[in-house]
Amino acid sequence: MENLEDLKEEVERLRLEINRLKSEKNKIAPHKHCLNCGIAIPPDKTFCSKKCEDEWNAMIKKKKMNTYIWMALLAILLIILVVSAGA
C-alpha cells in the first residue's frame, strides 16, 4: 500500500511541475535570435547590433567569393579535361 501512496504523491508532484512549466512557457516574450551571434532580440530586428550585421555581411560576402572561386576552378578543370580528351 505504501508504494501505491508514494506513486500517487509522485504523480501529483509531476502534475504540479508540468502546470508550473506550462505557465512559465507562456511568460516568454515573443522574440527571435540574432543571425550572427544568436542572442535573443525583438521580433522586428534581424541583428543585435551594427557590429553583428557587419560581421554577417562580411561572412556572406566571403562565402559567395569562395563559391565563385570553386565554380571557376571547376570550369577550368572541365575545359582542361575536354581539351586533353580531344587531343
N, C-alpha and C. Protein backbone atom coordinates (compact mmCIF):
# COMPACT_ATOMS: atom_id res chain seq x y z
N MET A 1 0.81 -1.19 0.00
CA MET A 1 0.00 0.00 0.00
C MET A 1 0.86 1.26 0.00
N GLU A 2 1.99 1.17 0.66
CA GLU A 2 2.86 2.34 0.71
C GLU A 2 3.32 2.73 -0.68
N ASN A 3 3.63 1.77 -1.49
CA ASN A 3 4.08 2.06 -2.85
C ASN A 3 3.00 2.76 -3.66
N LEU A 4 1.76 2.35 -3.47
CA LEU A 4 0.66 2.99 -4.19
C LEU A 4 0.51 4.44 -3.75
N GLU A 5 0.61 4.70 -2.48
CA GLU A 5 0.54 6.07 -1.97
C GLU A 5 1.72 6.90 -2.48
N ASP A 6 2.90 6.31 -2.48
CA ASP A 6 4.09 7.00 -3.00
C ASP A 6 3.91 7.35 -4.47
N LEU A 7 3.35 6.41 -5.23
CA LEU A 7 3.12 6.66 -6.66
C LEU A 7 2.12 7.79 -6.86
N LYS A 8 1.04 7.78 -6.07
CA LYS A 8 0.04 8.84 -6.17
C LYS A 8 0.66 10.20 -5.86
N GLU A 9 1.50 10.26 -4.84
CA GLU A 9 2.17 11.51 -4.49
C GLU A 9 3.11 11.97 -5.60
N GLU A 10 3.82 11.01 -6.17
CA GLU A 10 4.76 11.34 -7.25
C GLU A 10 4.01 11.85 -8.49
N VAL A 11 2.89 11.21 -8.82
CA VAL A 11 2.09 11.65 -9.96
C VAL A 11 1.57 13.06 -9.72
N GLU A 12 1.09 13.34 -8.52
CA GLU A 12 0.58 14.67 -8.21
C GLU A 12 1.70 15.71 -8.27
N ARG A 13 2.88 15.35 -7.76
CA ARG A 13 4.02 16.26 -7.81
C ARG A 13 4.41 16.56 -9.26
N LEU A 14 4.42 15.54 -10.09
CA LEU A 14 4.75 15.73 -11.51
C LEU A 14 3.68 16.56 -12.22
N ARG A 15 2.41 16.37 -11.87
CA ARG A 15 1.34 17.15 -12.47
C ARG A 15 1.50 18.63 -12.12
N LEU A 16 1.83 18.91 -10.87
CA LEU A 16 2.06 20.29 -10.45
C LEU A 16 3.26 20.89 -11.18
N GLU A 17 4.31 20.10 -11.35
CA GLU A 17 5.51 20.58 -12.06
C GLU A 17 5.19 20.88 -13.52
N ILE A 18 4.40 20.04 -14.15
CA ILE A 18 4.01 20.27 -15.55
C ILE A 18 3.22 21.57 -15.66
N ASN A 19 2.28 21.78 -14.76
CA ASN A 19 1.49 23.02 -14.79
C ASN A 19 2.38 24.24 -14.57
N ARG A 20 3.36 24.13 -13.68
CA ARG A 20 4.27 25.24 -13.44
C ARG A 20 5.08 25.54 -14.70
N LEU A 21 5.58 24.50 -15.36
CA LEU A 21 6.36 24.71 -16.58
C LEU A 21 5.52 25.30 -17.70
N LYS A 22 4.25 24.89 -17.80
CA LYS A 22 3.37 25.46 -18.82
C LYS A 22 3.16 26.94 -18.58
N SER A 23 2.99 27.33 -17.32
CA SER A 23 2.78 28.75 -17.04
C SER A 23 4.06 29.55 -17.30
N GLU A 24 5.22 28.96 -17.04
CA GLU A 24 6.49 29.64 -17.35
C GLU A 24 6.66 29.81 -18.85
N LYS A 25 6.26 28.80 -19.61
CA LYS A 25 6.39 28.86 -21.06
C LYS A 25 5.60 30.04 -21.62
N ASN A 26 4.44 30.28 -21.06
CA ASN A 26 3.61 31.38 -21.53
C ASN A 26 4.18 32.74 -21.16
N LYS A 27 5.13 32.80 -20.24
CA LYS A 27 5.71 34.07 -19.81
C LYS A 27 6.83 34.56 -20.73
N ILE A 28 7.34 33.71 -21.61
CA ILE A 28 8.43 34.10 -22.50
C ILE A 28 7.89 35.07 -23.55
N ALA A 29 8.48 36.24 -23.61
CA ALA A 29 8.05 37.26 -24.56
C ALA A 29 8.40 36.85 -25.98
N PRO A 30 7.61 37.29 -26.96
CA PRO A 30 7.95 36.99 -28.36
C PRO A 30 9.32 37.57 -28.70
N HIS A 31 10.14 36.78 -29.37
CA HIS A 31 11.49 37.21 -29.73
C HIS A 31 12.01 36.33 -30.86
N LYS A 32 13.14 36.72 -31.39
CA LYS A 32 13.88 35.84 -32.30
C LYS A 32 15.35 36.01 -31.95
N HIS A 33 16.23 35.39 -32.71
CA HIS A 33 17.64 35.40 -32.36
C HIS A 33 18.48 36.05 -33.45
N CYS A 34 19.51 36.75 -33.03
CA CYS A 34 20.44 37.41 -33.93
C CYS A 34 21.02 36.37 -34.88
N LEU A 35 21.05 36.67 -36.17
CA LEU A 35 21.58 35.72 -37.15
C LEU A 35 23.06 35.44 -36.94
N ASN A 36 23.79 36.39 -36.39
CA ASN A 36 25.23 36.24 -36.25
C ASN A 36 25.61 35.57 -34.93
N CYS A 37 25.16 36.12 -33.81
CA CYS A 37 25.63 35.62 -32.51
C CYS A 37 24.60 34.78 -31.77
N GLY A 38 23.33 34.87 -32.14
CA GLY A 38 22.32 34.01 -31.57
C GLY A 38 21.64 34.50 -30.30
N ILE A 39 21.95 35.71 -29.83
CA ILE A 39 21.27 36.18 -28.62
C ILE A 39 19.84 36.61 -28.95
N ALA A 40 18.98 36.61 -27.95
CA ALA A 40 17.58 36.97 -28.15
C ALA A 40 17.45 38.46 -28.46
N ILE A 41 16.62 38.76 -29.46
CA ILE A 41 16.38 40.15 -29.87
C ILE A 41 14.89 40.33 -30.11
N PRO A 42 14.42 41.57 -30.21
CA PRO A 42 13.00 41.80 -30.52
C PRO A 42 12.64 41.21 -31.89
N PRO A 43 11.37 40.82 -32.06
CA PRO A 43 10.98 40.17 -33.32
C PRO A 43 11.10 41.04 -34.56
N ASP A 44 11.19 42.35 -34.40
CA ASP A 44 11.26 43.22 -35.57
C ASP A 44 12.69 43.47 -36.03
N LYS A 45 13.68 42.95 -35.33
CA LYS A 45 15.09 43.13 -35.71
C LYS A 45 15.66 41.84 -36.27
N THR A 46 16.77 41.97 -37.00
CA THR A 46 17.45 40.81 -37.54
C THR A 46 18.78 40.58 -36.85
N PHE A 47 19.43 41.67 -36.43
CA PHE A 47 20.72 41.60 -35.76
C PHE A 47 20.66 42.37 -34.45
N CYS A 48 21.52 42.01 -33.51
CA CYS A 48 21.51 42.68 -32.21
C CYS A 48 22.28 44.00 -32.25
N SER A 49 23.21 44.13 -33.20
CA SER A 49 24.00 45.36 -33.28
C SER A 49 24.52 45.54 -34.70
N LYS A 50 25.05 46.72 -34.95
CA LYS A 50 25.65 47.01 -36.26
C LYS A 50 26.88 46.12 -36.47
N LYS A 51 27.62 45.86 -35.39
CA LYS A 51 28.81 45.01 -35.49
C LYS A 51 28.43 43.61 -35.98
N CYS A 52 27.37 43.04 -35.39
CA CYS A 52 26.92 41.71 -35.82
C CYS A 52 26.47 41.72 -37.28
N GLU A 53 25.77 42.78 -37.67
CA GLU A 53 25.32 42.87 -39.05
C GLU A 53 26.51 42.95 -40.01
N ASP A 54 27.52 43.75 -39.64
CA ASP A 54 28.72 43.87 -40.48
C ASP A 54 29.46 42.54 -40.57
N GLU A 55 29.59 41.82 -39.43
CA GLU A 55 30.26 40.52 -39.44
C GLU A 55 29.50 39.53 -40.31
N TRP A 56 28.17 39.54 -40.20
CA TRP A 56 27.34 38.64 -41.01
C TRP A 56 27.51 38.92 -42.50
N ASN A 57 27.44 40.20 -42.86
CA ASN A 57 27.59 40.57 -44.27
C ASN A 57 28.97 40.21 -44.80
N ALA A 58 30.01 40.38 -43.98
CA ALA A 58 31.37 40.01 -44.41
C ALA A 58 31.46 38.50 -44.61
N MET A 59 30.84 37.73 -43.73
CA MET A 59 30.88 36.28 -43.86
C MET A 59 30.14 35.83 -45.13
N ILE A 60 28.98 36.44 -45.40
CA ILE A 60 28.22 36.09 -46.61
C ILE A 60 29.03 36.44 -47.86
N LYS A 61 29.66 37.61 -47.85
CA LYS A 61 30.48 38.03 -48.99
C LYS A 61 31.63 37.04 -49.22
N LYS A 62 32.26 36.61 -48.12
CA LYS A 62 33.37 35.65 -48.23
C LYS A 62 32.88 34.30 -48.77
N LYS A 63 31.72 33.85 -48.30
CA LYS A 63 31.17 32.58 -48.78
C LYS A 63 30.84 32.66 -50.27
N LYS A 64 30.27 33.78 -50.70
CA LYS A 64 29.96 33.95 -52.12
C LYS A 64 31.24 33.92 -52.95
N MET A 65 32.27 34.63 -52.48
CA MET A 65 33.53 34.66 -53.21
C MET A 65 34.13 33.26 -53.31
N ASN A 66 34.10 32.51 -52.22
CA ASN A 66 34.61 31.13 -52.25
C ASN A 66 33.82 30.27 -53.23
N THR A 67 32.52 30.46 -53.29
CA THR A 67 31.70 29.71 -54.23
C THR A 67 32.07 30.05 -55.67
N TYR A 68 32.26 31.34 -55.96
CA TYR A 68 32.66 31.74 -57.31
C TYR A 68 34.03 31.18 -57.68
N ILE A 69 34.95 31.19 -56.74
CA ILE A 69 36.29 30.64 -57.00
C ILE A 69 36.21 29.16 -57.31
N TRP A 70 35.45 28.39 -56.51
CA TRP A 70 35.32 26.97 -56.76
C TRP A 70 34.64 26.69 -58.10
N MET A 71 33.65 27.48 -58.45
CA MET A 71 32.98 27.29 -59.74
C MET A 71 33.94 27.60 -60.88
N ALA A 72 34.77 28.63 -60.74
CA ALA A 72 35.75 28.96 -61.78
C ALA A 72 36.78 27.85 -61.92
N LEU A 73 37.27 27.32 -60.78
CA LEU A 73 38.23 26.22 -60.83
C LEU A 73 37.62 24.98 -61.48
N LEU A 74 36.39 24.70 -61.14
CA LEU A 74 35.72 23.56 -61.75
C LEU A 74 35.57 23.75 -63.25
N ALA A 75 35.21 24.96 -63.68
CA ALA A 75 35.08 25.24 -65.11
C ALA A 75 36.43 25.08 -65.80
N ILE A 76 37.49 25.59 -65.20
CA ILE A 76 38.84 25.47 -65.79
C ILE A 76 39.23 24.00 -65.91
N LEU A 77 38.99 23.23 -64.84
CA LEU A 77 39.32 21.80 -64.90
C LEU A 77 38.50 21.07 -65.96
N LEU A 78 37.25 21.44 -66.12
CA LEU A 78 36.40 20.84 -67.13
C LEU A 78 36.92 21.17 -68.53
N ILE A 79 37.33 22.42 -68.73
CA ILE A 79 37.88 22.82 -70.04
C ILE A 79 39.17 22.04 -70.32
N ILE A 80 40.02 21.91 -69.31
CA ILE A 80 41.27 21.16 -69.48
C ILE A 80 40.95 19.70 -69.84
N LEU A 81 39.98 19.13 -69.15
CA LEU A 81 39.60 17.75 -69.42
C LEU A 81 39.09 17.58 -70.85
N VAL A 82 38.24 18.48 -71.29
CA VAL A 82 37.68 18.41 -72.63
C VAL A 82 38.79 18.58 -73.68
N VAL A 83 39.67 19.57 -73.47
CA VAL A 83 40.75 19.82 -74.42
C VAL A 83 41.72 18.64 -74.47
N SER A 84 42.07 18.09 -73.32
CA SER A 84 43.04 16.99 -73.30
C SER A 84 42.41 15.70 -73.85
N ALA A 85 41.12 15.53 -73.72
CA ALA A 85 40.46 14.33 -74.27
C ALA A 85 40.37 14.41 -75.79
N GLY A 86 40.31 15.63 -76.32
CA GLY A 86 40.22 15.79 -77.77
C GLY A 86 41.57 15.68 -78.46
N ALA A 87 42.65 15.79 -77.71
CA ALA A 87 43.96 15.77 -78.33
C ALA A 87 44.52 14.39 -78.53
